[in-house]
N, C-alpha and C. Protein backbone atom coordinates (compact mmCIF):
# COMPACT_ATOMS: atom_id res chain seq x y z
N MET A 1 0.71 -9.19 -0.10
CA MET A 1 -0.20 -8.16 -0.55
C MET A 1 -1.56 -8.77 -0.88
N LEU A 2 -1.55 -9.96 -1.46
CA LEU A 2 -2.81 -10.60 -1.81
C LEU A 2 -3.61 -10.95 -0.56
N ALA A 3 -2.96 -11.54 0.43
CA ALA A 3 -3.64 -11.90 1.67
C ALA A 3 -4.13 -10.64 2.40
N LEU A 4 -3.37 -9.58 2.35
CA LEU A 4 -3.78 -8.33 2.97
C LEU A 4 -5.02 -7.75 2.29
N GLY A 5 -5.03 -7.79 0.97
CA GLY A 5 -6.18 -7.29 0.24
C GLY A 5 -7.44 -8.10 0.50
N VAL A 6 -7.29 -9.42 0.55
CA VAL A 6 -8.44 -10.29 0.82
C VAL A 6 -8.96 -10.05 2.23
N SER A 7 -8.07 -9.98 3.20
CA SER A 7 -8.52 -9.76 4.58
C SER A 7 -9.16 -8.39 4.73
N GLY A 8 -8.67 -7.39 3.99
CA GLY A 8 -9.26 -6.06 4.03
C GLY A 8 -10.65 -6.04 3.41
N ALA A 9 -10.82 -6.76 2.31
CA ALA A 9 -12.14 -6.82 1.67
C ALA A 9 -13.15 -7.51 2.58
N VAL A 10 -12.73 -8.58 3.22
CA VAL A 10 -13.64 -9.30 4.13
C VAL A 10 -13.96 -8.44 5.35
N ALA A 11 -12.95 -7.75 5.89
CA ALA A 11 -13.18 -6.87 7.04
C ALA A 11 -14.12 -5.72 6.68
N ALA A 12 -13.95 -5.16 5.48
CA ALA A 12 -14.82 -4.06 5.04
C ALA A 12 -16.25 -4.55 4.84
N LEU A 13 -16.39 -5.75 4.30
CA LEU A 13 -17.73 -6.31 4.12
C LEU A 13 -18.41 -6.53 5.47
N GLY A 14 -17.67 -7.06 6.42
CA GLY A 14 -18.24 -7.27 7.75
C GLY A 14 -18.61 -5.98 8.43
N ALA A 15 -17.77 -4.95 8.28
CA ALA A 15 -18.06 -3.66 8.90
C ALA A 15 -19.24 -2.98 8.23
N THR A 16 -19.43 -3.21 6.93
CA THR A 16 -20.55 -2.61 6.22
C THR A 16 -21.86 -3.33 6.54
N LEU A 17 -21.82 -4.65 6.60
CA LEU A 17 -23.04 -5.42 6.88
C LEU A 17 -23.47 -5.31 8.34
N PHE A 18 -22.50 -5.22 9.23
CA PHE A 18 -22.78 -5.16 10.67
C PHE A 18 -22.08 -3.96 11.28
N PRO A 19 -22.55 -2.75 10.99
CA PRO A 19 -21.85 -1.56 11.50
C PRO A 19 -22.00 -1.43 13.01
N GLY A 20 -20.94 -0.98 13.65
CA GLY A 20 -20.96 -0.65 15.07
C GLY A 20 -20.91 0.86 15.21
N SER A 21 -21.39 1.38 16.31
CA SER A 21 -21.37 2.83 16.47
C SER A 21 -19.98 3.33 16.83
N ALA A 22 -19.15 2.48 17.39
CA ALA A 22 -17.78 2.86 17.72
C ALA A 22 -16.93 1.60 17.71
N ALA A 23 -15.63 1.80 17.71
CA ALA A 23 -14.73 0.65 17.65
C ALA A 23 -14.89 -0.24 18.87
N ALA A 24 -15.06 0.34 20.05
CA ALA A 24 -15.21 -0.47 21.27
C ALA A 24 -16.48 -1.31 21.22
N GLU A 25 -17.57 -0.71 20.74
CA GLU A 25 -18.83 -1.46 20.64
C GLU A 25 -18.70 -2.57 19.59
N ALA A 26 -18.04 -2.28 18.50
CA ALA A 26 -17.86 -3.29 17.47
C ALA A 26 -17.05 -4.47 18.00
N MET A 27 -16.00 -4.18 18.78
CA MET A 27 -15.20 -5.26 19.36
C MET A 27 -16.02 -6.06 20.36
N ARG A 28 -16.83 -5.39 21.16
CA ARG A 28 -17.68 -6.07 22.13
C ARG A 28 -18.67 -6.99 21.41
N GLU A 29 -19.24 -6.50 20.30
CA GLU A 29 -20.16 -7.32 19.52
C GLU A 29 -19.44 -8.53 18.94
N ASP A 30 -18.20 -8.32 18.49
CA ASP A 30 -17.43 -9.43 17.92
C ASP A 30 -17.19 -10.54 18.94
N LEU A 31 -17.03 -10.18 20.19
CA LEU A 31 -16.70 -11.16 21.21
C LEU A 31 -17.94 -11.77 21.89
N SER A 32 -19.12 -11.33 21.50
CA SER A 32 -20.32 -11.90 22.10
C SER A 32 -20.55 -13.31 21.57
N ALA A 33 -21.36 -14.07 22.28
CA ALA A 33 -21.59 -15.48 21.93
C ALA A 33 -22.33 -15.64 20.61
N THR A 34 -23.13 -14.68 20.21
CA THR A 34 -23.94 -14.79 18.99
C THR A 34 -23.27 -14.14 17.78
N ALA A 35 -22.02 -13.85 17.87
CA ALA A 35 -21.37 -13.07 16.82
C ALA A 35 -20.45 -13.90 15.93
N ARG A 36 -20.73 -15.15 15.72
CA ARG A 36 -19.86 -15.99 14.89
C ARG A 36 -19.68 -15.41 13.48
N LEU A 37 -20.78 -15.12 12.80
CA LEU A 37 -20.69 -14.60 11.45
C LEU A 37 -20.02 -13.23 11.43
N MET A 38 -20.43 -12.36 12.36
CA MET A 38 -19.87 -11.02 12.41
C MET A 38 -18.35 -11.07 12.68
N PHE A 39 -17.95 -11.93 13.58
CA PHE A 39 -16.54 -12.05 13.92
C PHE A 39 -15.74 -12.54 12.71
N SER A 40 -16.28 -13.52 12.01
CA SER A 40 -15.53 -14.06 10.88
C SER A 40 -15.48 -13.06 9.73
N LEU A 41 -16.49 -12.21 9.59
CA LEU A 41 -16.47 -11.23 8.50
C LEU A 41 -15.58 -10.04 8.81
N ARG A 42 -15.58 -9.58 10.02
CA ARG A 42 -14.80 -8.38 10.34
C ARG A 42 -13.30 -8.65 10.41
N GLN A 43 -12.91 -9.65 11.14
CA GLN A 43 -11.50 -10.02 11.29
C GLN A 43 -10.65 -8.82 11.70
N TYR A 44 -11.08 -8.10 12.73
CA TYR A 44 -10.32 -6.93 13.16
C TYR A 44 -8.89 -7.29 13.56
N GLN A 45 -8.69 -8.51 14.05
CA GLN A 45 -7.35 -8.87 14.51
C GLN A 45 -6.43 -9.24 13.35
N LEU A 46 -6.95 -9.88 12.31
CA LEU A 46 -6.11 -10.36 11.22
C LEU A 46 -5.66 -9.23 10.28
N HIS A 47 -6.56 -8.41 9.82
CA HIS A 47 -6.21 -7.38 8.84
C HIS A 47 -5.19 -6.37 9.37
N PRO A 48 -5.36 -5.82 10.57
CA PRO A 48 -4.33 -4.88 11.05
C PRO A 48 -2.97 -5.53 11.26
N LEU A 49 -2.96 -6.78 11.71
CA LEU A 49 -1.69 -7.48 11.89
C LEU A 49 -0.98 -7.67 10.54
N LEU A 50 -1.73 -8.13 9.55
CA LEU A 50 -1.15 -8.29 8.21
C LEU A 50 -0.69 -6.94 7.65
N ALA A 51 -1.48 -5.89 7.90
CA ALA A 51 -1.12 -4.56 7.40
C ALA A 51 0.20 -4.08 7.99
N ALA A 52 0.40 -4.31 9.28
CA ALA A 52 1.65 -3.90 9.92
C ALA A 52 2.84 -4.67 9.36
N VAL A 53 2.69 -5.97 9.19
CA VAL A 53 3.78 -6.80 8.69
C VAL A 53 4.10 -6.45 7.23
N VAL A 54 3.07 -6.41 6.39
CA VAL A 54 3.29 -6.11 4.97
C VAL A 54 3.78 -4.68 4.79
N GLY A 55 3.26 -3.74 5.58
CA GLY A 55 3.72 -2.36 5.50
C GLY A 55 5.19 -2.21 5.83
N ALA A 56 5.63 -2.87 6.90
CA ALA A 56 7.06 -2.83 7.26
C ALA A 56 7.91 -3.45 6.16
N TYR A 57 7.43 -4.55 5.58
CA TYR A 57 8.14 -5.22 4.49
C TYR A 57 8.25 -4.29 3.27
N LEU A 58 7.16 -3.62 2.91
CA LEU A 58 7.18 -2.74 1.74
C LEU A 58 8.09 -1.53 1.95
N ILE A 59 8.11 -1.00 3.16
CA ILE A 59 9.01 0.12 3.46
C ILE A 59 10.46 -0.33 3.36
N ALA A 60 10.76 -1.53 3.85
CA ALA A 60 12.12 -2.07 3.73
C ALA A 60 12.50 -2.30 2.27
N ILE A 61 11.58 -2.86 1.50
CA ILE A 61 11.85 -3.10 0.07
C ILE A 61 12.07 -1.77 -0.66
N ALA A 62 11.28 -0.76 -0.33
CA ALA A 62 11.44 0.56 -0.96
C ALA A 62 12.81 1.15 -0.62
N ALA A 63 13.25 0.98 0.63
CA ALA A 63 14.56 1.49 1.02
C ALA A 63 15.68 0.76 0.29
N ILE A 64 15.54 -0.54 0.13
CA ILE A 64 16.54 -1.32 -0.61
C ILE A 64 16.57 -0.89 -2.07
N ALA A 65 15.39 -0.70 -2.67
CA ALA A 65 15.33 -0.28 -4.07
C ALA A 65 15.94 1.10 -4.25
N ARG A 66 15.72 1.99 -3.29
CA ARG A 66 16.28 3.34 -3.38
C ARG A 66 17.80 3.30 -3.34
N LYS A 67 18.36 2.42 -2.49
CA LYS A 67 19.82 2.35 -2.36
C LYS A 67 20.46 1.60 -3.52
N SER A 68 19.82 0.54 -4.00
CA SER A 68 20.43 -0.28 -5.04
C SER A 68 20.27 0.31 -6.43
N ARG A 69 19.27 1.12 -6.63
CA ARG A 69 19.04 1.77 -7.93
C ARG A 69 19.06 3.28 -7.74
N PRO A 70 20.17 3.91 -8.04
CA PRO A 70 20.28 5.35 -7.78
C PRO A 70 19.52 6.23 -8.78
N GLY A 71 18.79 5.65 -9.69
CA GLY A 71 18.07 6.44 -10.69
C GLY A 71 16.98 7.31 -10.07
N VAL A 72 16.57 8.31 -10.83
CA VAL A 72 15.57 9.26 -10.36
C VAL A 72 14.24 8.57 -10.14
N TRP A 73 13.80 7.74 -11.08
CA TRP A 73 12.49 7.12 -10.97
C TRP A 73 12.41 6.14 -9.82
N ALA A 74 13.44 5.36 -9.62
CA ALA A 74 13.43 4.40 -8.51
C ALA A 74 13.34 5.13 -7.18
N GLY A 75 14.05 6.23 -7.04
CA GLY A 75 14.01 7.00 -5.80
C GLY A 75 12.65 7.63 -5.55
N ARG A 76 12.07 8.20 -6.61
CA ARG A 76 10.75 8.83 -6.46
C ARG A 76 9.68 7.79 -6.15
N LEU A 77 9.73 6.67 -6.84
CA LEU A 77 8.73 5.63 -6.61
C LEU A 77 8.90 4.98 -5.24
N ALA A 78 10.14 4.83 -4.78
CA ALA A 78 10.37 4.30 -3.43
C ALA A 78 9.79 5.24 -2.38
N ALA A 79 9.97 6.54 -2.59
CA ALA A 79 9.39 7.52 -1.67
C ALA A 79 7.87 7.47 -1.72
N ALA A 80 7.31 7.29 -2.91
CA ALA A 80 5.85 7.20 -3.05
C ALA A 80 5.31 5.97 -2.34
N VAL A 81 5.99 4.84 -2.49
CA VAL A 81 5.55 3.61 -1.81
C VAL A 81 5.58 3.81 -0.30
N THR A 82 6.66 4.38 0.21
CA THR A 82 6.77 4.62 1.65
C THR A 82 5.67 5.55 2.14
N ALA A 83 5.44 6.65 1.43
CA ALA A 83 4.41 7.61 1.83
C ALA A 83 3.02 6.97 1.78
N LEU A 84 2.75 6.18 0.75
CA LEU A 84 1.44 5.54 0.64
C LEU A 84 1.22 4.48 1.71
N VAL A 85 2.27 3.75 2.07
CA VAL A 85 2.14 2.77 3.16
C VAL A 85 1.80 3.48 4.47
N LEU A 86 2.52 4.57 4.76
CA LEU A 86 2.24 5.31 5.99
C LEU A 86 0.85 5.93 5.98
N ALA A 87 0.44 6.44 4.82
CA ALA A 87 -0.92 7.00 4.71
C ALA A 87 -1.97 5.91 4.90
N GLN A 88 -1.73 4.75 4.33
CA GLN A 88 -2.66 3.63 4.48
C GLN A 88 -2.79 3.22 5.95
N LEU A 89 -1.67 3.13 6.64
CA LEU A 89 -1.72 2.76 8.05
C LEU A 89 -2.50 3.81 8.86
N GLY A 90 -2.28 5.08 8.56
CA GLY A 90 -3.00 6.14 9.26
C GLY A 90 -4.50 6.10 8.98
N VAL A 91 -4.86 5.95 7.72
CA VAL A 91 -6.28 5.89 7.35
C VAL A 91 -6.91 4.63 7.90
N GLY A 92 -6.17 3.54 7.94
CA GLY A 92 -6.69 2.31 8.52
C GLY A 92 -6.99 2.45 10.00
N LEU A 93 -6.10 3.11 10.73
CA LEU A 93 -6.35 3.36 12.15
C LEU A 93 -7.56 4.26 12.35
N LEU A 94 -7.66 5.29 11.53
CA LEU A 94 -8.82 6.18 11.60
C LEU A 94 -10.10 5.43 11.25
N ASN A 95 -10.01 4.56 10.27
CA ASN A 95 -11.15 3.75 9.86
C ASN A 95 -11.64 2.88 11.01
N ALA A 96 -10.72 2.26 11.72
CA ALA A 96 -11.10 1.42 12.86
C ALA A 96 -11.66 2.27 14.00
N ALA A 97 -11.09 3.44 14.23
CA ALA A 97 -11.55 4.30 15.32
C ALA A 97 -12.95 4.86 15.06
N LEU A 98 -13.27 5.10 13.79
CA LEU A 98 -14.58 5.66 13.45
C LEU A 98 -15.61 4.59 13.09
N ALA A 99 -15.29 3.33 13.34
CA ALA A 99 -16.18 2.19 13.04
C ALA A 99 -16.50 2.10 11.56
N ALA A 100 -15.53 2.34 10.72
CA ALA A 100 -15.56 2.09 9.28
C ALA A 100 -16.71 2.74 8.53
N PRO A 101 -16.75 4.08 8.47
CA PRO A 101 -17.76 4.70 7.61
C PRO A 101 -17.43 4.41 6.14
N VAL A 102 -18.45 4.33 5.31
CA VAL A 102 -18.26 3.93 3.91
C VAL A 102 -17.33 4.89 3.18
N TRP A 103 -17.46 6.19 3.39
CA TRP A 103 -16.61 7.14 2.69
C TRP A 103 -15.14 6.92 3.02
N LEU A 104 -14.85 6.56 4.27
CA LEU A 104 -13.46 6.34 4.66
C LEU A 104 -12.96 5.00 4.13
N GLN A 105 -13.84 4.03 4.02
CA GLN A 105 -13.46 2.77 3.40
C GLN A 105 -13.08 2.99 1.94
N LEU A 106 -13.79 3.88 1.26
CA LEU A 106 -13.47 4.19 -0.14
C LEU A 106 -12.12 4.90 -0.26
N VAL A 107 -11.82 5.78 0.67
CA VAL A 107 -10.50 6.44 0.69
C VAL A 107 -9.41 5.40 0.92
N HIS A 108 -9.66 4.48 1.84
CA HIS A 108 -8.71 3.40 2.14
C HIS A 108 -8.48 2.54 0.89
N LEU A 109 -9.54 2.24 0.17
CA LEU A 109 -9.44 1.45 -1.06
C LEU A 109 -8.69 2.21 -2.14
N LEU A 110 -8.96 3.51 -2.29
CA LEU A 110 -8.24 4.33 -3.26
C LEU A 110 -6.74 4.33 -2.97
N LEU A 111 -6.38 4.51 -1.71
CA LEU A 111 -4.96 4.48 -1.33
C LEU A 111 -4.34 3.12 -1.61
N ALA A 112 -5.11 2.06 -1.40
CA ALA A 112 -4.60 0.70 -1.68
C ALA A 112 -4.33 0.54 -3.17
N ASP A 113 -5.21 1.06 -4.01
CA ASP A 113 -4.99 0.98 -5.46
C ASP A 113 -3.77 1.79 -5.88
N LEU A 114 -3.62 2.99 -5.31
CA LEU A 114 -2.45 3.81 -5.62
C LEU A 114 -1.16 3.14 -5.15
N LEU A 115 -1.22 2.51 -3.99
CA LEU A 115 -0.05 1.79 -3.48
C LEU A 115 0.32 0.64 -4.41
N TRP A 116 -0.67 -0.08 -4.89
CA TRP A 116 -0.40 -1.19 -5.80
C TRP A 116 0.26 -0.68 -7.08
N LEU A 117 -0.26 0.41 -7.64
CA LEU A 117 0.34 0.98 -8.85
C LEU A 117 1.78 1.44 -8.60
N ALA A 118 2.01 2.11 -7.49
CA ALA A 118 3.36 2.58 -7.17
C ALA A 118 4.31 1.40 -6.97
N LEU A 119 3.81 0.33 -6.38
CA LEU A 119 4.66 -0.85 -6.17
C LEU A 119 5.00 -1.53 -7.49
N VAL A 120 4.05 -1.62 -8.40
CA VAL A 120 4.32 -2.21 -9.72
C VAL A 120 5.34 -1.35 -10.47
N LEU A 121 5.17 -0.03 -10.43
CA LEU A 121 6.11 0.85 -11.12
C LEU A 121 7.49 0.82 -10.47
N LEU A 122 7.55 0.72 -9.15
CA LEU A 122 8.85 0.60 -8.47
C LEU A 122 9.54 -0.69 -8.87
N THR A 123 8.78 -1.76 -8.97
CA THR A 123 9.36 -3.04 -9.40
C THR A 123 9.92 -2.92 -10.81
N ALA A 124 9.18 -2.29 -11.72
CA ALA A 124 9.65 -2.10 -13.09
C ALA A 124 10.91 -1.23 -13.12
N ALA A 125 10.92 -0.15 -12.34
CA ALA A 125 12.09 0.73 -12.31
C ALA A 125 13.30 0.03 -11.70
N SER A 126 13.06 -0.85 -10.74
CA SER A 126 14.17 -1.55 -10.09
C SER A 126 14.75 -2.64 -10.98
N LEU A 127 13.93 -3.21 -11.83
CA LEU A 127 14.40 -4.30 -12.70
C LEU A 127 14.92 -3.81 -14.04
N GLU A 128 14.77 -2.54 -14.31
CA GLU A 128 15.21 -1.97 -15.58
C GLU A 128 16.73 -2.04 -15.67
N ARG A 129 17.21 -2.50 -16.81
CA ARG A 129 18.65 -2.56 -17.03
C ARG A 129 19.14 -1.21 -17.53
N GLU A 130 20.33 -0.87 -17.08
CA GLU A 130 20.93 0.38 -17.56
C GLU A 130 21.44 0.16 -18.97
N GLN A 131 21.17 1.13 -19.83
CA GLN A 131 21.58 1.05 -21.23
C GLN A 131 22.99 1.62 -21.39
N GLU A 132 23.82 0.88 -22.08
CA GLU A 132 25.15 1.39 -22.39
C GLU A 132 25.13 1.97 -23.79
N ALA A 133 25.99 2.94 -24.01
CA ALA A 133 26.09 3.53 -25.34
C ALA A 133 26.73 2.52 -26.28
N PRO A 134 26.31 2.51 -27.54
CA PRO A 134 26.95 1.61 -28.51
C PRO A 134 28.44 1.91 -28.61
N GLU A 135 29.22 0.90 -29.02
CA GLU A 135 30.68 1.04 -29.10
C GLU A 135 31.12 2.24 -29.93
N ASP A 136 30.43 2.50 -31.04
CA ASP A 136 30.86 3.58 -31.90
C ASP A 136 30.51 4.97 -31.35
N LEU A 137 29.70 5.03 -30.29
CA LEU A 137 29.35 6.33 -29.70
C LEU A 137 30.00 6.56 -28.34
N LYS A 138 30.77 5.60 -27.84
CA LYS A 138 31.41 5.79 -26.54
C LYS A 138 32.43 6.92 -26.63
N GLY A 139 32.34 7.82 -25.69
CA GLY A 139 33.27 8.94 -25.64
C GLY A 139 32.86 10.11 -26.51
N VAL A 140 31.81 9.96 -27.31
CA VAL A 140 31.35 11.04 -28.18
C VAL A 140 30.33 11.87 -27.41
N ARG A 141 30.52 13.15 -27.41
CA ARG A 141 29.57 14.03 -26.75
C ARG A 141 28.57 14.51 -27.79
N LEU A 142 27.32 14.20 -27.54
CA LEU A 142 26.29 14.56 -28.51
C LEU A 142 25.85 16.01 -28.29
N ARG A 143 25.71 16.73 -29.40
CA ARG A 143 25.25 18.11 -29.36
C ARG A 143 23.94 18.22 -30.11
N PRO A 144 23.10 19.18 -29.72
CA PRO A 144 21.85 19.36 -30.46
C PRO A 144 22.12 19.77 -31.90
N ALA A 145 21.24 19.39 -32.80
CA ALA A 145 21.42 19.71 -34.22
C ALA A 145 21.29 21.21 -34.47
N VAL A 146 20.49 21.87 -33.68
CA VAL A 146 20.27 23.30 -33.85
C VAL A 146 20.67 24.00 -32.55
N GLU A 147 21.52 25.00 -32.68
CA GLU A 147 21.92 25.77 -31.50
C GLU A 147 20.82 26.75 -31.17
N VAL A 148 20.48 26.87 -29.90
CA VAL A 148 19.42 27.79 -29.49
C VAL A 148 20.02 29.02 -28.87
């Protein structure tokens, strides 16, 4: 995730400093002889590759967490991580196709932040230990103090 974030920040900086009118033109500029700096800043090849690998890994981890922890929160957070990964991949493809407009880069960054939060919460929900009832309360059915 750290390498993906760094490569995304560098790619966004390159796309902002050296905007292309379309993805094909941007790639052509990257491959020209005078494009050393532009090529190193954009890194169109590295960021999407890392995104695909890390995205597949996160979806697999979310599926494992959903199966190993049957709790409500783990299931919801696993679904959120999966949905956010797929949304990120879609927005990333759109971002590349539209030659990285700033507004879409901000949407991509917002989704990345939401994905990070969902992943941290999924980790916490997956590591949470199940609480057992104290010995003196085992088998006791608790009733509300006031009947409604």
